[in-house]
C-alpha atoms as a PDB file:
ATOM      1  CA  UNK A   1       0.320  -0.226   0.018  1.00  0.00           C
ATOM      2  CA  UNK A   2       0.864   3.263  -0.719  1.00  0.00           C
ATOM      3  CA  UNK A   3       2.450   5.754   2.185  1.00  0.00           C
ATOM      4  CA  UNK A   4       1.577   8.851   2.227  1.00  0.00           C
ATOM      5  CA  UNK A   5       3.565  11.963   3.400  1.00  0.00           C
ATOM      6  CA  UNK A   6       1.243  12.671   6.723  1.00  0.00           C
ATOM      7  CA  UNK A   7       2.065   9.295   7.565  1.00  0.00           C
ATOM      8  CA  UNK A   8       5.224   9.145   6.458  1.00  0.00           C
ATOM      9  CA  UNK A   9       5.845  12.321   8.975  1.00  0.00           C
ATOM     10  CA  UNK A  10       3.503  11.276  11.624  1.00  0.00           C
ATOM     11  CA  UNK A  11       6.196   8.089  12.436  1.00  0.00           C
ATOM     12  CA  UNK A  12       9.143  10.352  12.416  1.00  0.00           C
ATOM     13  CA  UNK A  13       7.826  12.101  15.018  1.00  0.00           C
ATOM     14  CA  UNK A  14       7.423  15.482  13.185  1.00  0.00           C
ATOM     15  CA  UNK A  15       5.324  17.597  14.186  1.00  0.00           C
ATOM     16  CA  UNK A  16       2.261  17.572  11.366  1.00  0.00           C
ATOM     17  CA  UNK A  17      -0.089  19.773  12.630  1.00  0.00           C
ATOM     18  CA  UNK A  18       0.068  21.723   9.692  1.00  0.00           C
ATOM     19  CA  UNK A  19      -0.358  19.199   7.276  1.00  0.00           C
ATOM     20  CA  UNK A  20      -3.393  18.078   6.406  1.00  0.00           C
ATOM     21  CA  UNK A  21      -3.464  14.680   4.996  1.00  0.00           C
ATOM     22  CA  UNK A  22      -7.309  15.309   2.941  1.00  0.00           C
ATOM     23  CA  UNK A  23      -5.939  18.569   1.154  1.00  0.00           C
ATOM     24  CA  UNK A  24      -4.121  16.195  -2.032  1.00  0.00           C
ATOM     25  CA  UNK A  25      -5.158  12.774  -2.965  1.00  0.00           C
ATOM     26  CA  UNK A  26      -1.836  12.026  -3.577  1.00  0.00           C
ATOM     27  CA  UNK A  27       1.312  14.389  -2.194  1.00  0.00           C
ATOM     28  CA  UNK A  28       2.694  16.673  -4.870  1.00  0.00           C
ATOM     29  CA  UNK A  29      -0.408  15.822  -6.906  1.00  0.00           C
ATOM     30  CA  UNK A  30      -1.178  19.449  -7.276  1.00  0.00           C
ATOM     31  CA  UNK A  31       2.415  20.615  -7.661  1.00  0.00           C
ATOM     32  CA  UNK A  32       5.844  20.631  -6.359  1.00  0.00           C
ATOM     33  CA  UNK A  33       4.552  22.713  -3.581  1.00  0.00           C
ATOM     34  CA  UNK A  34       4.111  20.229  -1.135  1.00  0.00           C
ATOM     35  CA  UNK A  35       7.015  18.331  -1.965  1.00  0.00           C
ATOM     36  CA  UNK A  36       9.485  21.459  -0.869  1.00  0.00           C
ATOM     37  CA  UNK A  37       7.468  21.997   2.672  1.00  0.00           C
ATOM     38  CA  UNK A  38       7.771  18.132   3.605  1.00  0.00           C
ATOM     39  CA  UNK A  39      11.766  18.617   2.548  1.00  0.00           C
ATOM     40  CA  UNK A  40      12.584  21.269   4.598  1.00  0.00           C
ATOM     41  CA  UNK A  41      14.348  21.454   7.753  1.00  0.00           C
ATOM     42  CA  UNK A  42      12.749  23.433   9.743  1.00  0.00           C
ATOM     43  CA  UNK A  43      14.554  24.006  13.077  1.00  0.00           C
ATOM     44  CA  UNK A  44      17.736  23.375  11.724  1.00  0.00           C
ATOM     45  CA  UNK A  45      20.800  25.381  10.213  1.00  0.00           C
ATOM     46  CA  UNK A  46      20.349  23.881   6.809  1.00  0.00           C
ATOM     47  CA  UNK A  47      17.100  26.471   6.393  1.00  0.00           C
ATOM     48  CA  UNK A  48      20.326  29.600   6.388  1.00  0.00           C
ATOM     49  CA  UNK A  49      21.820  27.819   3.512  1.00  0.00           C
ATOM     50  CA  UNK A  50      20.711  28.528  -0.160  1.00  0.00           C
ATOM     51  CA  UNK A  51      19.740  25.908  -2.895  1.00  0.00           C
ATOM     52  CA  UNK A  52      22.650  24.642  -5.027  1.00  0.00           C
ATOM     53  CA  UNK A  53      22.382  26.556  -8.554  1.00  0.00           C
ATOM     54  CA  UNK A  54      20.750  24.296 -10.966  1.00  0.00           C
ATOM     55  CA  UNK A  55      22.844  23.248 -14.094  1.00  0.00           C
ATOM     56  CA  UNK A  56      21.196  23.195 -17.360  1.00  0.00           C
ATOM     57  CA  UNK A  57      23.431  20.157 -19.420  1.00  0.00           C
ATOM     58  CA  UNK A  58      25.070  22.257 -22.489  1.00  0.00           C
ATOM     59  CA  UNK A  59      26.758  18.830 -23.543  1.00  0.00           C
ATOM     60  CA  UNK A  60      23.264  17.667 -25.370  1.00  0.00           C
ATOM     61  CA  UNK A  61      23.280  20.665 -27.089  1.00  0.00           C
ATOM     62  CA  UNK A  62      26.960  19.805 -28.152  1.00  0.00           C
ATOM     63  CA  UNK A  63      25.851  15.720 -28.748  1.00  0.00           C
ATOM     64  CA  UNK A  64      22.821  17.029 -30.953  1.00  0.00           C
ATOM     65  CA  UNK A  65      18.680  15.795 -31.382  1.00  0.00           C
ATOM     66  CA  UNK A  66      19.381  13.034 -32.981  1.00  0.00           C
ATOM     67  CA  UNK A  67      22.818  11.904 -32.515  1.00  0.00           C
ATOM     68  CA  UNK A  68      23.079   9.882 -29.173  1.00  0.00           C
ATOM     69  CA  UNK A  69      24.724  10.600 -25.582  1.00  0.00           C
ATOM     70  CA  UNK A  70      27.694   8.185 -25.310  1.00  0.00           C
ATOM     71  CA  UNK A  71      27.648   7.309 -21.553  1.00  0.00           C
ATOM     72  CA  UNK A  72      30.664   5.007 -20.861  1.00  0.00           C
ATOM     73  CA  UNK A  73      30.745   2.752 -17.227  1.00  0.00           C
ATOM     74  CA  UNK A  74      32.892   0.610 -15.002  1.00  0.00           C
ATOM     75  CA  UNK A  75      32.197  -0.611 -12.182  1.00  0.00           C
ATOM     76  CA  UNK A  76      32.823  -4.637 -10.149  1.00  0.00           C
ATOM     77  CA  UNK A  77      29.032  -4.212  -8.189  1.00  0.00           C
ATOM     78  CA  UNK A  78      26.887  -4.539 -11.552  1.00  0.00           C
ATOM     79  CA  UNK A  79      23.230  -4.046  -9.858  1.00  0.00           C
ATOM     80  CA  UNK A  80      24.111  -0.550  -8.674  1.00  0.00           C
ATOM     81  CA  UNK A  81      25.305  -0.060 -11.974  1.00  0.00           C
ATOM     82  CA  UNK A  82      22.064  -1.316 -13.722  1.00  0.00           C
ATOM     83  CA  UNK A  83      19.950   0.546 -11.452  1.00  0.00           C
ATOM     84  CA  UNK A  84      22.125   3.547 -12.801  1.00  0.00           C
ATOM     85  CA  UNK A  85      21.800   2.298 -16.342  1.00  0.00           C
ATOM     86  CA  UNK A  86      17.958   1.764 -15.752  1.00  0.00           C
ATOM     87  CA  UNK A  87      17.355   5.246 -14.715  1.00  0.00           C
ATOM     88  CA  UNK A  88      19.096   7.046 -17.774  1.00  0.00           C
ATOM     89  CA  UNK A  89      18.160   5.081 -20.211  1.00  0.00           C
ATOM     90  CA  UNK A  90      14.378   4.111 -19.343  1.00  0.00           C
ATOM     91  CA  UNK A  91      14.137   7.645 -17.735  1.00  0.00           C
ATOM     92  CA  UNK A  92      15.380  10.168 -19.459  1.00  0.00           C
ATOM     93  CA  UNK A  93      14.783   8.224 -23.726  1.00  0.00           C
ATOM     94  CA  UNK A  94      12.173  10.412 -24.506  1.00  0.00           C
ATOM     95  CA  UNK A  95      14.293  13.551 -24.234  1.00  0.00           C
ATOM     96  CA  UNK A  96      17.255  11.801 -25.949  1.00  0.00           C
ATOM     97  CA  UNK A  97      18.648   8.744 -27.263  1.00  0.00           C
ATOM     98  CA  UNK A  98      22.240   7.265 -25.512  1.00  0.00           C
ATOM     99  CA  UNK A  99      24.023   4.758 -25.834  1.00  0.00           C
ATOM    100  CA  UNK A 100      25.025   3.195 -22.494  1.00  0.00           C
ATOM    101  CA  UNK A 101      28.496   1.390 -22.746  1.00  0.00           C
ATOM    102  CA  UNK A 102      28.437  -0.658 -19.666  1.00  0.00           C
ATOM    103  CA  UNK A 103      31.758  -2.413 -18.650  1.00  0.00           C
ATOM    104  CA  UNK A 104      31.274  -3.841 -15.179  1.00  0.00           C
ATOM    105  CA  UNK A 105      33.505  -7.112 -13.904  1.00  0.00           C
ATOM    106  CA  UNK A 106      30.437  -8.796 -11.937  1.00  0.00           C
ATOM    107  CA  UNK A 107      30.033 -11.270 -14.041  1.00  0.00           C
ATOM    108  CA  UNK A 108      27.199 -13.298 -11.910  1.00  0.00           C
ATOM    109  CA  UNK A 109      24.872  -9.862 -12.630  1.00  0.00           C
ATOM    110  CA  UNK A 110      25.676  -8.107 -15.550  1.00  0.00           C
ATOM    111  CA  UNK A 111      23.978  -9.525 -17.522  1.00  0.00           C
ATOM    112  CA  UNK A 112      20.765  -9.026 -15.736  1.00  0.00           C
ATOM    113  CA  UNK A 113      20.953  -5.634 -17.254  1.00  0.00           C
ATOM    114  CA  UNK A 114      23.609  -6.035 -20.223  1.00  0.00           C
ATOM    115  CA  UNK A 115      25.950  -4.112 -19.102  1.00  0.00           C
ATOM    116  CA  UNK A 116      29.081  -7.248 -18.815  1.00  0.00           C
ATOM    117  CA  UNK A 117      32.418  -5.842 -19.840  1.00  0.00           C
ATOM    118  CA  UNK A 118      34.051  -7.356 -23.269  1.00  0.00           C
ATOM    119  CA  UNK A 119      37.105  -8.792 -22.394  1.00  0.00           C
ATOM    120  CA  UNK A 120      39.810  -6.269 -23.022  1.00  0.00           C
ATOM    121  CA  UNK A 121      38.309  -4.479 -20.662  1.00  0.00           C
ATOM    122  CA  UNK A 122      37.238  -6.847 -17.978  1.00  0.00           C
ATOM    123  CA  UNK A 123      41.435  -7.605 -18.360  1.00  0.00           C
ATOM    124  CA  UNK A 124      42.413  -4.445 -18.226  1.00  0.00           C
ATOM    125  CA  UNK A 125      40.362  -3.395 -15.458  1.00  0.00           C
ATOM    126  CA  UNK A 126      40.761  -6.838 -13.032  1.00  0.00           C
ATOM    127  CA  UNK A 127      44.480  -5.261 -12.081  1.00  0.00           C
ATOM    128  CA  UNK A 128      42.766  -1.824 -10.284  1.00  0.00           C
ATOM    129  CA  UNK A 129      40.486  -4.295  -8.123  1.00  0.00           C
ATOM    130  CA  UNK A 130      43.179  -6.472  -6.897  1.00  0.00           C
ATOM    131  CA  UNK A 131      46.069  -3.799  -6.038  1.00  0.00           C
ATOM    132  CA  UNK A 132      45.426  -2.889  -2.230  1.00  0.00           C
ATOM    133  CA  UNK A 133      46.714  -0.239  -1.062  1.00  0.00           C
ATOM    134  CA  UNK A 134      50.712  -0.922  -1.527  1.00  0.00           C
ATOM    135  CA  UNK A 135      49.801   0.652  -4.706  1.00  0.00           C
ATOM    136  CA  UNK A 136      49.631   4.346  -4.590  1.00  0.00           C
ATOM    137  CA  UNK A 137      46.777   6.007  -6.682  1.00  0.00           C
ATOM    138  CA  UNK A 138      49.163   7.666  -9.252  1.00  0.00           C
ATOM    139  CA  UNK A 139      49.869   4.638 -10.441  1.00  0.00           C
ATOM    140  CA  UNK A 140      47.051   3.261 -10.629  1.00  0.00           C
ATOM    141  CA  UNK A 141      46.421   6.347 -12.951  1.00  0.00           C
ATOM    142  CA  UNK A 142      49.382   5.527 -14.889  1.00  0.00           C
ATOM    143  CA  UNK A 143      48.478   2.178 -15.656  1.00  0.00           C
ATOM    144  CA  UNK A 144      44.770   3.416 -16.488  1.00  0.00           C
ATOM    145  CA  UNK A 145      45.946   5.889 -19.155  1.00  0.00           C
ATOM    146  CA  UNK A 146      47.754   2.912 -20.873  1.00  0.00           C
ATOM    147  CA  UNK A 147      44.945   0.833 -21.289  1.00  0.00           C
ATOM    148  CA  UNK A 148      42.340   0.657 -24.225  1.00  0.00           C
ATOM    149  CA  UNK A 149      39.432   1.218 -21.459  1.00  0.00           C
ATOM    150  CA  UNK A 150      40.790   4.679 -20.795  1.00  0.00           C
ATOM    151  CA  UNK A 151      40.418   5.526 -24.736  1.00  0.00           C
ATOM    152  CA  UNK A 152      37.031   3.528 -24.770  1.00  0.00           C
ATOM    153  CA  UNK A 153      36.472   6.656 -21.585  1.00  0.00           C
ATOM    154  CA  UNK A 154      38.300   9.057 -23.405  1.00  0.00           C
ATOM    155  CA  UNK A 155      35.732   8.498 -26.406  1.00  0.00           C
ATOM    156  CA  UNK A 156      32.080   8.654 -25.229  1.00  0.00           C
ATOM    157  CA  UNK A 157      30.344  12.360 -24.030  1.00  0.00           C
ATOM    158  CA  UNK A 158      30.127  11.064 -20.292  1.00  0.00           C
ATOM    159  CA  UNK A 159      31.836   8.590 -18.306  1.00  0.00           C
ATOM    160  CA  UNK A 160      29.864   7.163 -15.218  1.00  0.00           C
ATOM    161  CA  UNK A 161      31.396   5.272 -12.167  1.00  0.00           C
ATOM    162  CA  UNK A 162      29.800   3.427  -9.214  1.00  0.00           C
ATOM    163  CA  UNK A 163      30.597   1.145  -7.091  1.00  0.00           C
ATOM    164  CA  UNK A 164      34.167   1.428  -5.614  1.00  0.00           C
ATOM    165  CA  UNK A 165      33.995   5.118  -5.617  1.00  0.00           C
ATOM    166  CA  UNK A 166      37.582   5.650  -5.460  1.00  0.00           C
ATOM    167  CA  UNK A 167      37.154   4.563  -9.728  1.00  0.00           C
ATOM    168  CA  UNK A 168      35.582   7.840 -10.030  1.00  0.00           C
ATOM    169  CA  UNK A 169      38.473  10.109  -9.314  1.00  0.00           C
ATOM    170  CA  UNK A 170      39.514   7.607 -11.144  1.00  0.00           C
ATOM    171  CA  UNK A 171      37.873   7.998 -14.356  1.00  0.00           C
ATOM    172  CA  UNK A 172      37.804  12.109 -13.906  1.00  0.00           C
ATOM    173  CA  UNK A 173      41.644  12.000 -15.640  1.00  0.00           C
ATOM    174  CA  UNK A 174      39.766  11.074 -18.954  1.00  0.00           C
ATOM    175  CA  UNK A 175      38.265  14.841 -18.454  1.00  0.00           C
ATOM    176  CA  UNK A 176      34.698  14.062 -19.665  1.00  0.00           C
ATOM    177  CA  UNK A 177      31.913  14.891 -17.264  1.00  0.00           C
ATOM    178  CA  UNK A 178      31.569  12.534 -15.009  1.00  0.00           C
ATOM    179  CA  UNK A 179      28.303  10.492 -13.509  1.00  0.00           C
ATOM    180  CA  UNK A 180      28.431   9.326 -10.164  1.00  0.00           C
ATOM    181  CA  UNK A 181      25.661   6.547  -9.131  1.00  0.00           C
ATOM    182  CA  UNK A 182      26.938   5.620  -5.162  1.00  0.00           C
ATOM    183  CA  UNK A 183      24.402   3.271  -4.632  1.00  0.00           C
ATOM    184  CA  UNK A 184      26.335   1.548  -1.271  1.00  0.00           C
ATOM    185  CA  UNK A 185      27.834   2.755   1.697  1.00  0.00           C
ATOM    186  CA  UNK A 186      30.507   5.317  -0.379  1.00  0.00           C
ATOM    187  CA  UNK A 187      33.493   3.713   1.505  1.00  0.00           C
ATOM    188  CA  UNK A 188      32.485   0.344   0.467  1.00  0.00           C
ATOM    189  CA  UNK A 189      35.487  -1.297  -1.747  1.00  0.00           C
ATOM    190  CA  UNK A 190      37.856   1.943  -0.874  1.00  0.00           C
ATOM    191  CA  UNK A 191      41.367   1.225   0.486  1.00  0.00           C
ATOM    192  CA  UNK A 192      40.793   2.191   3.884  1.00  0.00           C
ATOM    193  CA  UNK A 193      44.489   4.911   2.141  1.00  0.00           C
ATOM    194  CA  UNK A 194      42.467   6.363   0.575  1.00  0.00           C
END
């Protein structure tokens, strides 16, 4: 059964006197103003902080209306990357075409999402999974830049990282817009030294 916003707030021991559960059939049905009220930080210092600016995505203008936006992705946890692929491709497919080039090393699940890494990518990225803290990050960057996977990332419009999160720093060297989808604790699989 769907949880109404008033019920969620009540269960979180929030003050619900200002809410009228009957004011809308479903929260946000009339407009988004109810969500802004529900998401506000009443009584905290967060109220004084400014809203983050909303940026346009000029890359879409550069790519062109009918040319697909190419997203190169690599991960070791395919279900979080699969969620990101679903969000990007399914929910944005009416906005613009997307060529999602998944490169997941999680071979037991990647087939469920169609994001399994090609053999050469898996072979090239596997050392990055196996190298522990004894290999400095700078050495990992130098190695990554020698791979075909790096060239594939450079040829894409956008690179995407998920798990391990430290790969976001690694993929940033491709000098492309970076989309991060971190669906697990941010420090999962991150070496302690990093």
